[in-house]
Amino acid sequence: MTTTFKIDQFVSITDVQRKIGEVTARLKEEDVVVLRNNKPDFVMVNVDSYKAMREALDFVEHYEIFETIRKRQDKKGAIISSSQMAERLLKRVKEVDKMRI
């Protein structure tokens, strides 16, 4: 995904320092890309936009975790209890021990 900005969204770091009031007022309408040495250095966003981005990121992270769990369940079937897992592990250890002899 590519993010594009309009040319009027770019502001030099010097202008941010000199005109902080004007720059922060612009944040109500749009994000501001701050340039350092004529290269984008960071983006200023208002608090509501930042909160929305964090919520979206949290959702994506939780969704990825959910998908990982679902895929693992699909591979092996149903979820097993810890005692069943211990039994399987013990059985596997015994099989490996037999192979060593």
N, C-alpha and C. Protein backbone atom coordinates (compact mmCIF):
# COMPACT_ATOMS: atom_id res chain seq x y z
N MET A 1 0.85 -1.17 0.00
CA MET A 1 0.00 0.00 0.00
C MET A 1 0.90 1.23 0.00
N THR A 2 0.62 2.14 -0.88
CA THR A 2 1.38 3.38 -0.99
C THR A 2 0.55 4.54 -0.47
N THR A 3 1.18 5.36 0.33
CA THR A 3 0.52 6.56 0.84
C THR A 3 0.99 7.74 0.02
N THR A 4 0.06 8.52 -0.44
CA THR A 4 0.42 9.71 -1.21
C THR A 4 -0.01 10.96 -0.46
N PHE A 5 0.74 12.00 -0.67
CA PHE A 5 0.46 13.28 -0.03
C PHE A 5 0.39 14.36 -1.10
N LYS A 6 -0.38 15.39 -0.81
CA LYS A 6 -0.43 16.55 -1.69
C LYS A 6 0.78 17.44 -1.38
N ILE A 7 1.21 18.17 -2.38
CA ILE A 7 2.39 19.01 -2.23
C ILE A 7 2.24 20.02 -1.09
N ASP A 8 1.03 20.51 -0.87
CA ASP A 8 0.85 21.51 0.19
C ASP A 8 0.83 20.91 1.59
N GLN A 9 0.96 19.60 1.70
CA GLN A 9 1.05 18.97 3.01
C GLN A 9 2.49 18.95 3.53
N PHE A 10 3.45 19.26 2.67
CA PHE A 10 4.86 19.24 3.06
C PHE A 10 5.26 20.57 3.70
N VAL A 11 5.97 20.46 4.82
CA VAL A 11 6.44 21.64 5.55
C VAL A 11 7.86 21.36 6.04
N SER A 12 8.72 22.33 5.94
CA SER A 12 10.09 22.14 6.42
C SER A 12 10.10 22.16 7.95
N ILE A 13 11.09 21.53 8.51
CA ILE A 13 11.23 21.52 9.98
C ILE A 13 11.41 22.93 10.51
N THR A 14 12.06 23.77 9.72
CA THR A 14 12.26 25.17 10.12
C THR A 14 10.92 25.89 10.22
N ASP A 15 10.04 25.67 9.23
CA ASP A 15 8.71 26.29 9.28
C ASP A 15 7.89 25.78 10.46
N VAL A 16 8.05 24.49 10.78
CA VAL A 16 7.33 23.95 11.95
C VAL A 16 7.79 24.68 13.20
N GLN A 17 9.10 24.89 13.33
CA GLN A 17 9.63 25.59 14.51
C GLN A 17 9.17 27.03 14.57
N ARG A 18 9.12 27.69 13.44
CA ARG A 18 8.76 29.11 13.39
C ARG A 18 7.25 29.34 13.46
N LYS A 19 6.49 28.41 12.91
CA LYS A 19 5.04 28.62 12.77
C LYS A 19 4.25 27.46 13.36
N ILE A 20 4.61 27.06 14.56
CA ILE A 20 3.98 25.88 15.16
C ILE A 20 2.46 26.05 15.28
N GLY A 21 2.00 27.24 15.57
CA GLY A 21 0.56 27.48 15.69
C GLY A 21 -0.17 27.23 14.38
N GLU A 22 0.39 27.73 13.29
CA GLU A 22 -0.23 27.52 11.97
C GLU A 22 -0.22 26.04 11.58
N VAL A 23 0.89 25.38 11.87
CA VAL A 23 1.02 23.97 11.51
C VAL A 23 0.03 23.13 12.30
N THR A 24 -0.07 23.37 13.58
CA THR A 24 -1.00 22.57 14.39
C THR A 24 -2.45 22.86 14.01
N ALA A 25 -2.74 24.07 13.58
CA ALA A 25 -4.10 24.39 13.12
C ALA A 25 -4.43 23.60 11.86
N ARG A 26 -3.45 23.39 11.00
CA ARG A 26 -3.66 22.61 9.77
C ARG A 26 -3.99 21.16 10.07
N LEU A 27 -3.53 20.68 11.22
CA LEU A 27 -3.75 19.28 11.56
C LEU A 27 -5.22 18.93 11.74
N LYS A 28 -6.06 19.94 11.96
CA LYS A 28 -7.50 19.68 12.06
C LYS A 28 -8.07 19.24 10.72
N GLU A 29 -7.41 19.64 9.64
CA GLU A 29 -7.90 19.36 8.29
C GLU A 29 -7.15 18.23 7.60
N GLU A 30 -5.82 18.15 7.83
CA GLU A 30 -5.01 17.17 7.10
C GLU A 30 -3.72 16.88 7.86
N ASP A 31 -3.08 15.77 7.49
CA ASP A 31 -1.77 15.44 8.06
C ASP A 31 -0.72 16.37 7.47
N VAL A 32 0.38 16.51 8.18
CA VAL A 32 1.47 17.37 7.72
C VAL A 32 2.74 16.52 7.67
N VAL A 33 3.41 16.54 6.52
CA VAL A 33 4.66 15.83 6.34
C VAL A 33 5.79 16.81 6.59
N VAL A 34 6.64 16.49 7.56
CA VAL A 34 7.73 17.40 7.92
C VAL A 34 9.00 16.95 7.21
N LEU A 35 9.62 17.92 6.53
CA LEU A 35 10.84 17.67 5.77
C LEU A 35 12.07 18.10 6.57
N ARG A 36 13.07 17.27 6.52
CA ARG A 36 14.38 17.61 7.08
C ARG A 36 15.39 17.39 5.96
N ASN A 37 16.13 18.41 5.61
CA ASN A 37 17.06 18.35 4.47
C ASN A 37 16.33 17.96 3.19
N ASN A 38 15.14 18.52 3.02
CA ASN A 38 14.30 18.30 1.83
C ASN A 38 13.87 16.85 1.63
N LYS A 39 13.88 16.05 2.70
CA LYS A 39 13.40 14.67 2.63
C LYS A 39 12.36 14.47 3.72
N PRO A 40 11.29 13.72 3.43
CA PRO A 40 10.29 13.45 4.48
C PRO A 40 10.94 12.79 5.69
N ASP A 41 10.69 13.35 6.86
CA ASP A 41 11.29 12.84 8.09
C ASP A 41 10.24 12.24 9.00
N PHE A 42 9.10 12.90 9.13
CA PHE A 42 8.00 12.36 9.93
C PHE A 42 6.70 13.03 9.54
N VAL A 43 5.60 12.44 10.00
CA VAL A 43 4.27 12.95 9.69
C VAL A 43 3.60 13.35 10.99
N MET A 44 3.01 14.53 10.99
CA MET A 44 2.24 14.99 12.15
C MET A 44 0.76 14.73 11.86
N VAL A 45 0.08 14.12 12.83
CA VAL A 45 -1.35 13.85 12.68
C VAL A 45 -2.06 14.33 13.94
N ASN A 46 -3.36 14.60 13.80
CA ASN A 46 -4.09 15.02 15.00
C ASN A 46 -4.40 13.79 15.85
N VAL A 47 -4.79 14.02 17.08
CA VAL A 47 -4.99 12.94 18.04
C VAL A 47 -6.06 11.95 17.59
N ASP A 48 -7.15 12.43 17.02
CA ASP A 48 -8.21 11.52 16.58
C ASP A 48 -7.71 10.58 15.48
N SER A 49 -6.94 11.10 14.55
CA SER A 49 -6.37 10.26 13.50
C SER A 49 -5.42 9.23 14.08
N TYR A 50 -4.61 9.66 15.03
CA TYR A 50 -3.66 8.74 15.66
C TYR A 50 -4.40 7.62 16.39
N LYS A 51 -5.45 7.97 17.14
CA LYS A 51 -6.23 6.95 17.84
C LYS A 51 -6.84 5.96 16.86
N ALA A 52 -7.37 6.46 15.76
CA ALA A 52 -7.98 5.58 14.75
C ALA A 52 -6.93 4.64 14.15
N MET A 53 -5.72 5.15 13.90
CA MET A 53 -4.66 4.30 13.36
C MET A 53 -4.25 3.23 14.36
N ARG A 54 -4.15 3.61 15.64
CA ARG A 54 -3.78 2.63 16.68
C ARG A 54 -4.85 1.54 16.80
N GLU A 55 -6.12 1.94 16.76
CA GLU A 55 -7.20 0.96 16.83
C GLU A 55 -7.16 0.02 15.64
N ALA A 56 -6.90 0.55 14.46
CA ALA A 56 -6.81 -0.29 13.26
C ALA A 56 -5.63 -1.25 13.37
N LEU A 57 -4.51 -0.76 13.86
CA LEU A 57 -3.33 -1.61 14.03
C LEU A 57 -3.60 -2.71 15.05
N ASP A 58 -4.24 -2.36 16.16
CA ASP A 58 -4.59 -3.36 17.17
C ASP A 58 -5.51 -4.42 16.59
N PHE A 59 -6.49 -3.99 15.78
CA PHE A 59 -7.41 -4.93 15.16
C PHE A 59 -6.65 -5.90 14.25
N VAL A 60 -5.75 -5.36 13.43
CA VAL A 60 -4.98 -6.20 12.51
C VAL A 60 -4.13 -7.21 13.29
N GLU A 61 -3.49 -6.76 14.36
CA GLU A 61 -2.67 -7.66 15.17
C GLU A 61 -3.52 -8.77 15.77
N HIS A 62 -4.68 -8.42 16.32
CA HIS A 62 -5.56 -9.43 16.90
C HIS A 62 -6.08 -10.38 15.83
N TYR A 63 -6.39 -9.86 14.67
CA TYR A 63 -6.88 -10.68 13.57
C TYR A 63 -5.81 -11.68 13.14
N GLU A 64 -4.56 -11.23 13.05
CA GLU A 64 -3.48 -12.12 12.66
C GLU A 64 -3.30 -13.24 13.68
N ILE A 65 -3.40 -12.92 14.95
CA ILE A 65 -3.31 -13.94 16.00
C ILE A 65 -4.45 -14.94 15.86
N PHE A 66 -5.66 -14.42 15.65
CA PHE A 66 -6.82 -15.28 15.49
C PHE A 66 -6.64 -16.21 14.29
N GLU A 67 -6.15 -15.67 13.17
CA GLU A 67 -5.94 -16.48 11.98
C GLU A 67 -4.89 -17.56 12.21
N THR A 68 -3.84 -17.25 12.94
CA THR A 68 -2.81 -18.24 13.25
C THR A 68 -3.40 -19.38 14.06
N ILE A 69 -4.19 -19.04 15.06
CA ILE A 69 -4.84 -20.07 15.89
C ILE A 69 -5.77 -20.92 15.04
N ARG A 70 -6.57 -20.27 14.21
CA ARG A 70 -7.52 -21.01 13.37
C ARG A 70 -6.79 -21.96 12.42
N LYS A 71 -5.71 -21.51 11.80
CA LYS A 71 -4.96 -22.36 10.87
C LYS A 71 -4.37 -23.56 11.59
N ARG A 72 -3.87 -23.34 12.80
CA ARG A 72 -3.31 -24.46 13.56
C ARG A 72 -4.39 -25.46 13.94
N GLN A 73 -5.56 -24.98 14.28
CA GLN A 73 -6.67 -25.87 14.60
C GLN A 73 -7.07 -26.68 13.37
N ASP A 74 -7.12 -26.02 12.22
CA ASP A 74 -7.50 -26.70 10.98
C ASP A 74 -6.51 -27.80 10.61
N LYS A 75 -5.24 -27.59 10.88
CA LYS A 75 -4.23 -28.58 10.51
C LYS A 75 -4.37 -29.87 11.30
N LYS A 76 -4.64 -29.77 12.56
CA LYS A 76 -4.66 -30.94 13.42
C LYS A 76 -6.06 -31.37 13.84
N GLY A 77 -7.03 -30.57 13.54
CA GLY A 77 -8.38 -30.92 13.97
C GLY A 77 -8.76 -30.16 15.22
N ALA A 78 -9.28 -30.86 16.19
CA ALA A 78 -9.79 -30.24 17.41
C ALA A 78 -8.67 -29.88 18.38
N ILE A 79 -8.99 -29.01 19.29
CA ILE A 79 -8.07 -28.63 20.35
C ILE A 79 -8.00 -29.78 21.35
N ILE A 80 -6.80 -30.07 21.87
CA ILE A 80 -6.67 -31.14 22.86
C ILE A 80 -6.30 -30.55 24.21
N SER A 81 -6.58 -31.31 25.25
CA SER A 81 -6.29 -30.85 26.61
C SER A 81 -4.80 -30.99 26.90
N SER A 82 -4.36 -30.38 27.98
CA SER A 82 -2.95 -30.47 28.35
C SER A 82 -2.57 -31.90 28.75
N SER A 83 -3.50 -32.64 29.37
CA SER A 83 -3.19 -34.03 29.74
C SER A 83 -3.04 -34.90 28.48
N GLN A 84 -3.88 -34.65 27.48
CA GLN A 84 -3.76 -35.38 26.22
C GLN A 84 -2.43 -35.05 25.55
N MET A 85 -2.04 -33.79 25.61
CA MET A 85 -0.76 -33.38 25.03
C MET A 85 0.39 -34.06 25.77
N ALA A 86 0.32 -34.14 27.09
CA ALA A 86 1.36 -34.80 27.89
C ALA A 86 1.46 -36.27 27.51
N GLU A 87 0.31 -36.93 27.32
CA GLU A 87 0.31 -38.34 26.92
C GLU A 87 0.98 -38.51 25.56
N ARG A 88 0.64 -37.64 24.61
CA ARG A 88 1.24 -37.72 23.28
C ARG A 88 2.74 -37.49 23.34
N LEU A 89 3.16 -36.53 24.13
CA LEU A 89 4.57 -36.22 24.26
C LEU A 89 5.32 -37.40 24.88
N LEU A 90 4.77 -37.98 25.91
CA LEU A 90 5.40 -39.13 26.56
C LEU A 90 5.52 -40.30 25.58
N LYS A 91 4.48 -40.54 24.81
CA LYS A 91 4.49 -41.61 23.81
C LYS A 91 5.60 -41.34 22.79
N ARG A 92 5.72 -40.10 22.36
CA ARG A 92 6.73 -39.73 21.36
C ARG A 92 8.14 -39.89 21.94
N VAL A 93 8.34 -39.52 23.19
CA VAL A 93 9.64 -39.67 23.84
C VAL A 93 10.02 -41.14 23.90
N LYS A 94 9.06 -41.99 24.23
CA LYS A 94 9.32 -43.44 24.29
C LYS A 94 9.70 -43.98 22.91
N GLU A 95 9.03 -43.48 21.87
CA GLU A 95 9.35 -43.92 20.51
C GLU A 95 10.75 -43.50 20.13
N VAL A 96 11.14 -42.31 20.49
CA VAL A 96 12.50 -41.83 20.18
C VAL A 96 13.53 -42.64 20.95
N ASP A 97 13.24 -42.95 22.21
CA ASP A 97 14.17 -43.76 23.03
C ASP A 97 14.37 -45.13 22.39
N LYS A 98 13.31 -45.75 21.87
CA LYS A 98 13.41 -47.06 21.23
C LYS A 98 14.31 -46.98 20.00
N MET A 99 14.25 -45.87 19.29
CA MET A 99 15.05 -45.71 18.08
C MET A 99 16.53 -45.59 18.40
N ARG A 100 16.87 -45.15 19.57
CA ARG A 100 18.28 -44.97 19.97
C ARG A 100 18.94 -46.30 20.30
N ILE A 101 18.16 -47.28 20.67
CA ILE A 101 18.72 -48.58 21.11
C ILE A 101 19.19 -49.40 19.95
